[in-house]
Amino acid sequence: MPNPATRSAPVPVIVDVDTGLDDALALAFLAQEPAVRLLAVTCVAGNTSVDNAVSNTATVLHALGLASPPPIGRGSSGPLLGQTRPAHGFHGTDGLGGIQLRRTGEHASPPHAIELMRDTILTSPQPVTLLALGPLTNVALLIRCYPDIAARLERIMFMGGTMSVVNLAIPSGGGHMITIANPTNWAPDIDRVTTD
């Protein structure tokens, strides 16, 4: 993000998440950061199912007590290529590692994530930053369905992993090794769509 001291207005952001523990923390930061205007949150399957991601996102935003929470859109339930591979070993089956937060009954806004992204980008008076923290499936579909939308974006930022390393083993101390899989970086989705 640009330095807030050099920018007069908050950066308009759409964040696309697969809300597990990491994205829950990112949402808490983004929603309360004065340099960011969180316009919408869209969800994709990744760390957990898309339904869990939507529920987790609504729960986190509700827990923050925001006066005007951003709309939430439900996106892709799996990658364009291959199979869904959730990260239950790290994020738990619910995506939040079993952390007990008061669940909200709120559900995603009526439009699909792709439509919510498109409508939000088109109605924003400033170019929007699209921040993709989960698999890139929703971003790929947005660009595929609405190729002209990219020109209205300030930038696309994404949290990437590796494409050639399936597992990374790191020392955890005490002689143990922790294997971290990176199954949710479905970069082939965006690559396939943008190069076709």
N, C-alpha and C. Protein backbone atom coordinates (compact mmCIF):
# COMPACT_ATOMS: atom_id res chain seq x y z
N MET A 1 0.84 -1.17 0.00
CA MET A 1 0.00 0.00 0.00
C MET A 1 0.89 1.24 0.00
N PRO A 2 0.42 2.32 -0.62
CA PRO A 2 1.19 3.55 -0.60
C PRO A 2 1.31 4.09 0.82
N ASN A 3 2.34 4.89 1.03
CA ASN A 3 2.53 5.53 2.32
C ASN A 3 1.35 6.46 2.59
N PRO A 4 0.63 6.27 3.73
CA PRO A 4 -0.55 7.10 4.02
C PRO A 4 -0.21 8.58 4.10
N ALA A 5 1.02 8.92 4.46
CA ALA A 5 1.40 10.32 4.57
C ALA A 5 1.43 11.01 3.21
N THR A 6 1.61 10.25 2.13
CA THR A 6 1.68 10.84 0.80
C THR A 6 0.37 10.72 0.05
N ARG A 7 -0.64 10.20 0.67
CA ARG A 7 -1.93 9.99 0.00
C ARG A 7 -3.00 10.72 0.79
N SER A 8 -3.83 11.49 0.11
CA SER A 8 -4.83 12.29 0.81
C SER A 8 -6.08 11.49 1.18
N ALA A 9 -6.41 10.50 0.38
CA ALA A 9 -7.63 9.72 0.64
C ALA A 9 -7.26 8.27 0.87
N PRO A 10 -8.08 7.55 1.64
CA PRO A 10 -7.80 6.12 1.83
C PRO A 10 -7.84 5.36 0.51
N VAL A 11 -7.05 4.32 0.42
CA VAL A 11 -6.98 3.47 -0.77
C VAL A 11 -8.24 2.61 -0.82
N PRO A 12 -9.02 2.70 -1.91
CA PRO A 12 -10.20 1.83 -2.03
C PRO A 12 -9.75 0.40 -2.37
N VAL A 13 -10.22 -0.57 -1.57
CA VAL A 13 -9.75 -1.94 -1.68
C VAL A 13 -10.92 -2.92 -1.71
N ILE A 14 -10.82 -3.90 -2.60
CA ILE A 14 -11.65 -5.11 -2.54
C ILE A 14 -10.68 -6.20 -2.15
N VAL A 15 -11.03 -6.98 -1.14
CA VAL A 15 -10.16 -8.08 -0.74
C VAL A 15 -10.87 -9.40 -1.02
N ASP A 16 -10.16 -10.30 -1.67
CA ASP A 16 -10.68 -11.63 -2.00
C ASP A 16 -9.97 -12.63 -1.09
N VAL A 17 -10.74 -13.35 -0.29
CA VAL A 17 -10.18 -14.17 0.79
C VAL A 17 -10.71 -15.60 0.77
N ASP A 18 -9.96 -16.47 1.42
CA ASP A 18 -10.41 -17.83 1.72
C ASP A 18 -10.33 -17.97 3.25
N THR A 19 -11.02 -17.14 3.94
CA THR A 19 -10.81 -16.82 5.34
C THR A 19 -10.55 -18.00 6.25
N GLY A 20 -9.24 -18.17 6.44
CA GLY A 20 -8.69 -19.00 7.49
C GLY A 20 -8.10 -18.06 8.52
N LEU A 21 -7.20 -18.56 9.32
CA LEU A 21 -6.61 -17.75 10.39
C LEU A 21 -5.86 -16.53 9.84
N ASP A 22 -5.09 -16.71 8.77
CA ASP A 22 -4.30 -15.62 8.21
C ASP A 22 -5.19 -14.50 7.67
N ASP A 23 -6.23 -14.88 6.93
CA ASP A 23 -7.10 -13.86 6.35
C ASP A 23 -7.98 -13.19 7.41
N ALA A 24 -8.31 -13.90 8.47
CA ALA A 24 -9.06 -13.29 9.58
C ALA A 24 -8.26 -12.13 10.15
N LEU A 25 -6.97 -12.34 10.34
CA LEU A 25 -6.12 -11.27 10.86
C LEU A 25 -5.98 -10.14 9.85
N ALA A 26 -5.83 -10.49 8.57
CA ALA A 26 -5.73 -9.46 7.53
C ALA A 26 -7.00 -8.62 7.47
N LEU A 27 -8.16 -9.26 7.57
CA LEU A 27 -9.43 -8.53 7.56
C LEU A 27 -9.53 -7.57 8.75
N ALA A 28 -9.12 -8.04 9.91
CA ALA A 28 -9.16 -7.19 11.10
C ALA A 28 -8.27 -5.95 10.89
N PHE A 29 -7.11 -6.16 10.31
CA PHE A 29 -6.22 -5.03 10.04
C PHE A 29 -6.83 -4.09 9.01
N LEU A 30 -7.23 -4.63 7.86
CA LEU A 30 -7.74 -3.81 6.77
C LEU A 30 -8.98 -3.01 7.16
N ALA A 31 -9.87 -3.64 7.90
CA ALA A 31 -11.13 -2.99 8.27
C ALA A 31 -10.92 -1.81 9.22
N GLN A 32 -9.80 -1.82 9.93
CA GLN A 32 -9.57 -0.76 10.91
C GLN A 32 -8.43 0.18 10.53
N GLU A 33 -7.81 -0.04 9.38
CA GLU A 33 -6.69 0.78 8.93
C GLU A 33 -7.22 2.06 8.26
N PRO A 34 -6.90 3.24 8.80
CA PRO A 34 -7.40 4.50 8.22
C PRO A 34 -6.95 4.73 6.77
N ALA A 35 -5.83 4.15 6.36
CA ALA A 35 -5.33 4.36 5.00
C ALA A 35 -6.05 3.49 3.97
N VAL A 36 -6.98 2.64 4.44
CA VAL A 36 -7.71 1.71 3.57
C VAL A 36 -9.21 1.97 3.68
N ARG A 37 -9.88 1.99 2.52
CA ARG A 37 -11.35 2.01 2.51
C ARG A 37 -11.78 0.66 1.94
N LEU A 38 -12.22 -0.22 2.83
CA LEU A 38 -12.60 -1.58 2.45
C LEU A 38 -13.99 -1.55 1.82
N LEU A 39 -14.02 -1.70 0.49
CA LEU A 39 -15.27 -1.58 -0.26
C LEU A 39 -16.10 -2.86 -0.26
N ALA A 40 -15.43 -3.99 -0.34
CA ALA A 40 -16.13 -5.28 -0.42
C ALA A 40 -15.15 -6.39 -0.08
N VAL A 41 -15.71 -7.51 0.36
CA VAL A 41 -14.93 -8.72 0.63
C VAL A 41 -15.58 -9.85 -0.16
N THR A 42 -14.76 -10.53 -0.95
CA THR A 42 -15.27 -11.68 -1.70
C THR A 42 -14.55 -12.92 -1.22
N CYS A 43 -15.24 -14.03 -1.29
CA CYS A 43 -14.73 -15.28 -0.72
C CYS A 43 -14.57 -16.35 -1.79
N VAL A 44 -13.57 -17.20 -1.58
CA VAL A 44 -13.23 -18.28 -2.49
C VAL A 44 -12.83 -19.49 -1.66
N ALA A 45 -13.01 -20.66 -2.20
CA ALA A 45 -12.55 -21.87 -1.51
C ALA A 45 -11.03 -21.90 -1.55
N GLY A 46 -10.44 -22.35 -0.46
CA GLY A 46 -8.99 -22.43 -0.39
C GLY A 46 -8.58 -23.09 0.91
N ASN A 47 -8.26 -22.27 1.91
CA ASN A 47 -7.93 -22.82 3.22
C ASN A 47 -9.06 -23.67 3.76
N THR A 48 -10.26 -23.31 3.38
CA THR A 48 -11.48 -24.00 3.80
C THR A 48 -12.50 -23.88 2.68
N SER A 49 -13.66 -24.44 2.84
CA SER A 49 -14.70 -24.35 1.81
C SER A 49 -15.15 -22.90 1.64
N VAL A 50 -15.74 -22.60 0.50
CA VAL A 50 -16.22 -21.24 0.28
C VAL A 50 -17.32 -20.89 1.28
N ASP A 51 -18.15 -21.86 1.67
CA ASP A 51 -19.19 -21.58 2.66
C ASP A 51 -18.58 -21.23 4.01
N ASN A 52 -17.54 -21.96 4.41
CA ASN A 52 -16.85 -21.61 5.65
C ASN A 52 -16.18 -20.25 5.53
N ALA A 53 -15.59 -19.97 4.37
CA ALA A 53 -14.93 -18.68 4.16
C ALA A 53 -15.93 -17.53 4.31
N VAL A 54 -17.13 -17.69 3.74
CA VAL A 54 -18.17 -16.67 3.87
C VAL A 54 -18.59 -16.51 5.33
N SER A 55 -18.84 -17.62 5.99
CA SER A 55 -19.23 -17.59 7.40
C SER A 55 -18.13 -16.97 8.27
N ASN A 56 -16.89 -17.38 8.04
CA ASN A 56 -15.78 -16.85 8.81
C ASN A 56 -15.60 -15.35 8.58
N THR A 57 -15.75 -14.92 7.34
CA THR A 57 -15.62 -13.51 7.01
C THR A 57 -16.69 -12.70 7.72
N ALA A 58 -17.94 -13.16 7.64
CA ALA A 58 -19.04 -12.47 8.32
C ALA A 58 -18.81 -12.44 9.83
N THR A 59 -18.32 -13.53 10.38
CA THR A 59 -18.06 -13.61 11.82
C THR A 59 -16.98 -12.62 12.25
N VAL A 60 -15.89 -12.59 11.48
CA VAL A 60 -14.79 -11.67 11.82
C VAL A 60 -15.24 -10.22 11.71
N LEU A 61 -15.92 -9.87 10.62
CA LEU A 61 -16.37 -8.49 10.45
C LEU A 61 -17.38 -8.11 11.53
N HIS A 62 -18.24 -9.05 11.91
CA HIS A 62 -19.20 -8.80 12.98
C HIS A 62 -18.49 -8.57 14.32
N ALA A 63 -17.47 -9.38 14.58
CA ALA A 63 -16.72 -9.27 15.83
C ALA A 63 -16.00 -7.92 15.94
N LEU A 64 -15.68 -7.31 14.81
CA LEU A 64 -15.00 -6.01 14.82
C LEU A 64 -15.95 -4.87 15.16
N GLY A 65 -17.26 -5.12 15.07
CA GLY A 65 -18.25 -4.10 15.41
C GLY A 65 -18.22 -2.89 14.50
N LEU A 66 -17.99 -3.12 13.22
CA LEU A 66 -17.92 -2.02 12.26
C LEU A 66 -19.28 -1.35 12.10
N ALA A 67 -19.27 -0.02 12.04
CA ALA A 67 -20.53 0.71 11.84
C ALA A 67 -21.14 0.40 10.48
N SER A 68 -20.29 0.31 9.47
CA SER A 68 -20.75 0.00 8.11
C SER A 68 -19.87 -1.11 7.53
N PRO A 69 -20.17 -2.36 7.85
CA PRO A 69 -19.34 -3.43 7.32
C PRO A 69 -19.48 -3.53 5.80
N PRO A 70 -18.42 -3.92 5.12
CA PRO A 70 -18.49 -4.06 3.67
C PRO A 70 -19.34 -5.26 3.28
N PRO A 71 -19.92 -5.22 2.08
CA PRO A 71 -20.66 -6.38 1.61
C PRO A 71 -19.73 -7.56 1.37
N ILE A 72 -20.30 -8.75 1.51
CA ILE A 72 -19.55 -9.99 1.31
C ILE A 72 -20.16 -10.73 0.13
N GLY A 73 -19.32 -11.21 -0.76
CA GLY A 73 -19.78 -12.00 -1.91
C GLY A 73 -19.23 -13.41 -1.85
N ARG A 74 -20.06 -14.35 -2.26
CA ARG A 74 -19.66 -15.77 -2.30
C ARG A 74 -19.16 -16.08 -3.70
N GLY A 75 -17.93 -16.59 -3.78
CA GLY A 75 -17.33 -16.87 -5.07
C GLY A 75 -17.18 -18.35 -5.35
N SER A 76 -16.09 -18.70 -5.97
CA SER A 76 -15.85 -20.05 -6.48
C SER A 76 -15.70 -21.07 -5.36
N SER A 77 -16.29 -22.23 -5.59
CA SER A 77 -16.21 -23.31 -4.60
C SER A 77 -15.04 -24.25 -4.87
N GLY A 78 -14.26 -23.96 -5.90
CA GLY A 78 -13.09 -24.78 -6.21
C GLY A 78 -12.31 -24.16 -7.35
N PRO A 79 -11.14 -24.68 -7.63
CA PRO A 79 -10.31 -24.13 -8.69
C PRO A 79 -10.88 -24.45 -10.07
N LEU A 80 -10.43 -23.72 -11.05
CA LEU A 80 -10.85 -24.00 -12.43
C LEU A 80 -10.22 -25.29 -12.92
N LEU A 81 -9.02 -25.58 -12.42
CA LEU A 81 -8.29 -26.78 -12.81
C LEU A 81 -7.97 -27.57 -11.55
N GLY A 82 -8.15 -28.85 -11.58
CA GLY A 82 -7.80 -29.68 -10.43
C GLY A 82 -8.89 -29.73 -9.37
N GLN A 83 -8.48 -30.17 -8.20
CA GLN A 83 -9.44 -30.36 -7.11
C GLN A 83 -9.15 -29.41 -5.96
N THR A 84 -10.18 -29.16 -5.17
CA THR A 84 -10.03 -28.36 -3.97
C THR A 84 -9.17 -29.12 -2.97
N ARG A 85 -8.23 -28.41 -2.36
CA ARG A 85 -7.35 -29.01 -1.36
C ARG A 85 -7.27 -28.10 -0.15
N PRO A 86 -8.23 -28.18 0.76
CA PRO A 86 -8.23 -27.29 1.92
C PRO A 86 -7.05 -27.56 2.84
N ALA A 87 -6.70 -26.56 3.64
CA ALA A 87 -5.57 -26.64 4.56
C ALA A 87 -6.06 -26.92 5.98
N HIS A 88 -6.82 -28.01 6.14
CA HIS A 88 -7.38 -28.35 7.45
C HIS A 88 -6.31 -28.60 8.50
N GLY A 89 -5.16 -29.10 8.08
CA GLY A 89 -4.10 -29.38 9.04
C GLY A 89 -3.60 -28.14 9.75
N PHE A 90 -3.72 -27.00 9.10
CA PHE A 90 -3.26 -25.76 9.71
C PHE A 90 -4.43 -24.91 10.21
N HIS A 91 -5.47 -24.78 9.41
CA HIS A 91 -6.58 -23.88 9.71
C HIS A 91 -7.77 -24.58 10.38
N GLY A 92 -7.70 -25.89 10.55
CA GLY A 92 -8.82 -26.62 11.13
C GLY A 92 -9.93 -26.81 10.11
N THR A 93 -10.88 -27.65 10.44
CA THR A 93 -11.96 -27.94 9.48
C THR A 93 -12.88 -26.75 9.25
N ASP A 94 -12.95 -25.83 10.22
CA ASP A 94 -13.81 -24.66 10.04
C ASP A 94 -13.06 -23.47 9.44
N GLY A 95 -11.75 -23.59 9.27
CA GLY A 95 -10.96 -22.51 8.72
C GLY A 95 -10.40 -21.57 9.77
N LEU A 96 -10.98 -21.55 10.94
CA LEU A 96 -10.50 -20.67 12.01
C LEU A 96 -9.86 -21.45 13.15
N GLY A 97 -9.45 -22.66 12.87
CA GLY A 97 -8.73 -23.43 13.87
C GLY A 97 -9.53 -23.76 15.11
N GLY A 98 -10.85 -23.76 15.00
CA GLY A 98 -11.70 -24.07 16.14
C GLY A 98 -11.85 -22.93 17.13
N ILE A 99 -11.34 -21.75 16.79
CA ILE A 99 -11.50 -20.60 17.69
C ILE A 99 -12.98 -20.31 17.85
N GLN A 100 -13.39 -20.14 19.07
CA GLN A 100 -14.81 -19.92 19.36
C GLN A 100 -15.15 -18.43 19.31
N LEU A 101 -15.65 -17.98 18.18
CA LEU A 101 -16.16 -16.63 18.03
C LEU A 101 -17.67 -16.73 17.91
N ARG A 102 -18.35 -15.70 18.33
CA ARG A 102 -19.81 -15.69 18.19
C ARG A 102 -20.16 -15.63 16.71
N ARG A 103 -20.78 -16.69 16.23
CA ARG A 103 -21.15 -16.77 14.81
C ARG A 103 -22.33 -15.87 14.54
N THR A 104 -22.32 -15.29 13.37
CA THR A 104 -23.41 -14.44 12.95
C THR A 104 -24.24 -15.19 11.91
N GLY A 105 -25.49 -14.86 11.81
CA GLY A 105 -26.36 -15.50 10.83
C GLY A 105 -26.29 -14.85 9.47
N GLU A 106 -25.44 -13.82 9.33
CA GLU A 106 -25.35 -13.10 8.06
C GLU A 106 -24.80 -14.00 6.97
N HIS A 107 -25.26 -13.76 5.77
CA HIS A 107 -24.78 -14.52 4.61
C HIS A 107 -24.27 -13.54 3.57
N ALA A 108 -23.65 -14.06 2.55
CA ALA A 108 -23.11 -13.22 1.49
C ALA A 108 -24.20 -12.39 0.82
N SER A 109 -23.82 -11.23 0.33
CA SER A 109 -24.77 -10.38 -0.38
C SER A 109 -25.24 -11.11 -1.63
N PRO A 110 -26.41 -10.72 -2.15
CA PRO A 110 -26.99 -11.44 -3.28
C PRO A 110 -26.08 -11.67 -4.48
N PRO A 111 -25.29 -10.69 -4.91
CA PRO A 111 -24.51 -10.98 -6.11
C PRO A 111 -23.39 -11.98 -5.84
N HIS A 112 -23.04 -12.72 -6.88
CA HIS A 112 -21.88 -13.60 -6.83
C HIS A 112 -20.65 -12.70 -6.64
N ALA A 113 -19.59 -13.25 -6.09
CA ALA A 113 -18.37 -12.48 -5.84
C ALA A 113 -17.90 -11.73 -7.09
N ILE A 114 -17.99 -12.38 -8.24
CA ILE A 114 -17.51 -11.75 -9.47
C ILE A 114 -18.34 -10.52 -9.81
N GLU A 115 -19.66 -10.64 -9.63
CA GLU A 115 -20.55 -9.50 -9.89
C GLU A 115 -20.34 -8.39 -8.86
N LEU A 116 -20.13 -8.78 -7.60
CA LEU A 116 -19.87 -7.78 -6.56
C LEU A 116 -18.56 -7.04 -6.86
N MET A 117 -17.52 -7.77 -7.27
CA MET A 117 -16.26 -7.12 -7.64
C MET A 117 -16.49 -6.13 -8.79
N ARG A 118 -17.14 -6.63 -9.83
CA ARG A 118 -17.36 -5.80 -11.02
C ARG A 118 -18.15 -4.54 -10.67
N ASP A 119 -19.28 -4.70 -9.99
CA ASP A 119 -20.12 -3.56 -9.66
C ASP A 119 -19.38 -2.56 -8.76
N THR A 120 -18.61 -3.07 -7.83
CA THR A 120 -17.87 -2.20 -6.91
C THR A 120 -16.79 -1.42 -7.67
N ILE A 121 -16.09 -2.09 -8.56
CA ILE A 121 -15.05 -1.42 -9.35
C ILE A 121 -15.67 -0.35 -10.24
N LEU A 122 -16.79 -0.68 -10.90
CA LEU A 122 -17.42 0.27 -11.82
C LEU A 122 -18.02 1.48 -11.12
N THR A 123 -18.46 1.32 -9.88
CA THR A 123 -19.09 2.45 -9.18
C THR A 123 -18.12 3.24 -8.32
N SER A 124 -16.90 2.79 -8.20
CA SER A 124 -15.93 3.52 -7.39
C SER A 124 -15.43 4.75 -8.16
N PRO A 125 -15.44 5.91 -7.52
CA PRO A 125 -14.92 7.10 -8.20
C PRO A 125 -13.40 7.07 -8.38
N GLN A 126 -12.71 6.23 -7.62
CA GLN A 126 -11.27 6.08 -7.74
C GLN A 126 -10.95 4.67 -8.22
N PRO A 127 -9.82 4.50 -8.89
CA PRO A 127 -9.40 3.13 -9.24
C PRO A 127 -9.23 2.30 -7.97
N VAL A 128 -9.61 1.05 -8.05
CA VAL A 128 -9.65 0.15 -6.90
C VAL A 128 -8.43 -0.77 -6.91
N THR A 129 -7.92 -1.05 -5.72
CA THR A 129 -6.88 -2.07 -5.56
C THR A 129 -7.59 -3.38 -5.23
N LEU A 130 -7.29 -4.41 -5.98
CA LEU A 130 -7.84 -5.74 -5.73
C LEU A 130 -6.75 -6.54 -5.02
N LEU A 131 -7.03 -6.90 -3.79
CA LEU A 131 -6.09 -7.62 -2.94
C LEU A 131 -6.55 -9.06 -2.82
N ALA A 132 -5.83 -9.99 -3.43
CA ALA A 132 -6.21 -11.41 -3.43
C ALA A 132 -5.34 -12.15 -2.41
N LEU A 133 -5.97 -12.60 -1.34
CA LEU A 133 -5.25 -13.31 -0.29
C LEU A 133 -5.46 -14.82 -0.35
N GLY A 134 -6.38 -15.26 -1.17
CA GLY A 134 -6.64 -16.69 -1.33
C GLY A 134 -6.29 -17.12 -2.74
N PRO A 135 -6.76 -18.30 -3.13
CA PRO A 135 -6.57 -18.76 -4.51
C PRO A 135 -7.09 -17.71 -5.49
N LEU A 136 -6.53 -17.67 -6.65
CA LEU A 136 -6.82 -16.62 -7.62
C LEU A 136 -7.99 -16.92 -8.54
N THR A 137 -8.82 -17.88 -8.17
CA THR A 137 -9.92 -18.30 -9.03
C THR A 137 -10.91 -17.17 -9.29
N ASN A 138 -11.33 -16.45 -8.26
CA ASN A 138 -12.27 -15.34 -8.47
C ASN A 138 -11.67 -14.25 -9.34
N VAL A 139 -10.40 -13.96 -9.14
CA VAL A 139 -9.72 -12.94 -9.95
C VAL A 139 -9.66 -13.39 -11.41
N ALA A 140 -9.33 -14.66 -11.62
CA ALA A 140 -9.29 -15.20 -12.99
C ALA A 140 -10.65 -15.09 -13.66
N LEU A 141 -11.70 -15.44 -12.94
CA LEU A 141 -13.04 -15.38 -13.51
C LEU A 141 -13.48 -13.94 -13.78
N LEU A 142 -13.11 -13.02 -12.90
CA LEU A 142 -13.43 -11.62 -13.11
C LEU A 142 -12.80 -11.13 -14.42
N ILE A 143 -11.54 -11.44 -14.60
CA ILE A 143 -10.84 -11.00 -15.81
C ILE A 143 -11.37 -11.70 -17.06
N ARG A 144 -11.72 -12.97 -16.92
CA ARG A 144 -12.27 -13.72 -18.05
C ARG A 144 -13.66 -13.20 -18.44
N CYS A 145 -14.50 -12.98 -17.45
CA CYS A 145 -15.87 -12.53 -17.73
C CYS A 145 -15.94 -11.06 -18.14
N TYR A 146 -15.07 -10.24 -17.57
CA TYR A 146 -15.09 -8.80 -17.81
C TYR A 146 -13.67 -8.30 -18.11
N PRO A 147 -13.15 -8.62 -19.28
CA PRO A 147 -11.75 -8.29 -19.58
C PRO A 147 -11.43 -6.80 -19.50
N ASP A 148 -12.41 -5.94 -19.75
CA ASP A 148 -12.17 -4.50 -19.72
C ASP A 148 -12.04 -3.95 -18.29
N ILE A 149 -12.41 -4.75 -17.30
CA ILE A 149 -12.40 -4.28 -15.91
C ILE A 149 -10.98 -4.02 -15.42
N ALA A 150 -10.02 -4.73 -15.95
CA ALA A 150 -8.63 -4.57 -15.49
C ALA A 150 -8.15 -3.13 -15.65
N ALA A 151 -8.60 -2.44 -16.67
CA ALA A 151 -8.19 -1.06 -16.90
C ALA A 151 -8.70 -0.12 -15.82
N ARG A 152 -9.72 -0.54 -15.09
CA ARG A 152 -10.29 0.31 -14.03
C ARG A 152 -9.67 0.03 -12.67
N LEU A 153 -8.76 -0.92 -12.62
CA LEU A 153 -8.09 -1.25 -11.36
C LEU A 153 -6.82 -0.42 -11.21
N GLU A 154 -6.55 -0.01 -9.99
CA GLU A 154 -5.26 0.64 -9.69
C GLU A 154 -4.15 -0.40 -9.77
N ARG A 155 -4.43 -1.57 -9.16
CA ARG A 155 -3.46 -2.67 -9.17
C ARG A 155 -4.15 -3.92 -8.65
N ILE A 156 -3.53 -5.05 -8.93
CA ILE A 156 -3.90 -6.32 -8.32
C ILE A 156 -2.70 -6.75 -7.48
N MET A 157 -2.94 -6.97 -6.22
CA MET A 157 -1.90 -7.45 -5.32
C MET A 157 -2.34 -8.82 -4.83
N PHE A 158 -1.41 -9.76 -4.74
CA PHE A 158 -1.81 -11.07 -4.26
C PHE A 158 -0.74 -11.66 -3.35
N MET A 159 -1.21 -12.52 -2.46
CA MET A 159 -0.32 -13.26 -1.59
C MET A 159 -0.02 -14.55 -2.32
N GLY A 160 1.19 -14.70 -2.77
CA GLY A 160 1.56 -15.86 -3.55
C GLY A 160 2.37 -16.85 -2.76
N GLY A 161 2.49 -17.99 -3.30
CA GLY A 161 3.30 -19.04 -2.70
C GLY A 161 4.27 -19.54 -3.75
N THR A 162 4.41 -20.81 -3.82
CA THR A 162 5.31 -21.39 -4.80
C THR A 162 4.49 -22.16 -5.83
N MET A 163 5.05 -22.31 -6.98
CA MET A 163 4.37 -23.11 -7.99
C MET A 163 5.06 -24.45 -8.17
N SER A 164 6.33 -24.54 -7.78
CA SER A 164 7.04 -25.79 -8.03
C SER A 164 7.35 -26.57 -6.76
N VAL A 165 7.21 -25.96 -5.59
CA VAL A 165 7.49 -26.64 -4.33
C VAL A 165 6.17 -27.04 -3.70
N VAL A 166 5.94 -28.32 -3.54
CA VAL A 166 4.69 -28.78 -2.96
C VAL A 166 4.73 -28.65 -1.45
N ASN A 167 5.80 -29.05 -0.83
CA ASN A 167 5.92 -28.97 0.62
C ASN A 167 7.25 -28.33 0.99
N LEU A 168 7.23 -27.59 2.06
CA LEU A 168 8.42 -26.95 2.57
C LEU A 168 8.60 -27.41 4.01
N ALA A 169 9.70 -28.02 4.33
CA ALA A 169 9.96 -28.49 5.69
C ALA A 169 10.85 -27.47 6.40
N ILE A 170 10.42 -27.00 7.55
CA ILE A 170 11.20 -26.04 8.33
C ILE A 170 11.39 -26.56 9.73
N PRO A 171 12.54 -26.24 10.36
CA PRO A 171 12.76 -26.68 11.73
C PRO A 171 11.79 -25.98 12.67
N SER A 172 11.24 -26.71 13.62
CA SER A 172 10.32 -26.12 14.58
C SER A 172 10.94 -26.02 15.96
N GLY A 173 12.18 -26.45 16.09
CA GLY A 173 12.83 -26.45 17.40
C GLY A 173 12.63 -27.81 18.04
N GLY A 174 13.52 -28.19 18.91
CA GLY A 174 13.38 -29.47 19.59
C GLY A 174 13.55 -30.66 18.68
N GLY A 175 14.19 -30.48 17.53
CA GLY A 175 14.45 -31.60 16.64
C GLY A 175 13.28 -31.98 15.76
N HIS A 176 12.17 -31.24 15.78
CA HIS A 176 11.01 -31.56 14.97
C HIS A 176 11.04 -30.75 13.68
N MET A 177 10.39 -31.26 12.68
CA MET A 177 10.23 -30.54 11.43
C MET A 177 8.73 -30.35 11.19
N ILE A 178 8.38 -29.19 10.71
CA ILE A 178 6.99 -28.92 10.36
C ILE A 178 6.94 -28.87 8.84
N THR A 179 6.03 -29.60 8.25
CA THR A 179 5.85 -29.56 6.81
C THR A 179 4.68 -28.64 6.50
N ILE A 180 4.96 -27.64 5.70
CA ILE A 180 3.93 -26.68 5.33
C ILE A 180 3.60 -26.91 3.87
N ALA A 181 2.39 -27.30 3.61
CA ALA A 181 1.95 -27.48 2.23
C ALA A 181 1.37 -26.16 1.75
N ASN A 182 1.50 -25.89 0.50
CA ASN A 182 0.93 -24.69 -0.09
C ASN A 182 -0.07 -25.09 -1.16
N PRO A 183 -1.15 -25.77 -0.76
CA PRO A 183 -2.08 -26.28 -1.77
C PRO A 183 -3.07 -25.25 -2.27
N THR A 184 -3.16 -24.08 -1.65
CA THR A 184 -4.22 -23.16 -2.01
C THR A 184 -3.78 -22.07 -2.96
N ASN A 185 -2.54 -22.09 -3.41
CA ASN A 185 -2.11 -21.10 -4.38
C ASN A 185 -2.42 -21.62 -5.78
N TRP A 186 -3.65 -21.45 -6.19
CA TRP A 186 -4.10 -21.98 -7.47
C TRP A 186 -3.74 -21.02 -8.58
N ALA A 187 -2.46 -20.65 -8.65
CA ALA A 187 -2.00 -19.73 -9.68
C ALA A 187 -2.31 -20.19 -11.10
N PRO A 188 -2.36 -21.50 -11.36
CA PRO A 188 -2.69 -21.91 -12.73
C PRO A 188 -4.04 -21.36 -13.19
N ASP A 189 -4.97 -21.08 -12.27
CA ASP A 189 -6.25 -20.52 -12.67
C ASP A 189 -6.06 -19.18 -13.36
N ILE A 190 -5.29 -18.29 -12.73
CA ILE A 190 -5.09 -16.97 -13.32
C ILE A 190 -4.20 -17.07 -14.55
N ASP A 191 -3.21 -17.92 -14.52
CA ASP A 191 -2.31 -18.09 -15.65
C ASP A 191 -3.08 -18.60 -16.86
N ARG A 192 -3.91 -19.59 -16.66
CA ARG A 192 -4.66 -20.19 -17.75
C ARG A 192 -5.61 -19.19 -18.38
N VAL A 193 -6.28 -18.40 -17.55
CA VAL A 193 -7.27 -17.46 -18.04
C VAL A 193 -6.61 -16.28 -18.74
N THR A 194 -5.50 -15.79 -18.20
CA THR A 194 -4.89 -14.60 -18.78
C THR A 194 -4.03 -14.89 -19.99
N THR A 195 -3.66 -16.16 -20.21
CA THR A 195 -2.84 -16.48 -21.38
C THR A 195 -3.63 -17.11 -22.50
N ASP A 196 -4.87 -17.48 -22.26
CA ASP A 196 -5.70 -18.07 -23.32
C ASP A 196 -6.13 -17.03 -24.33
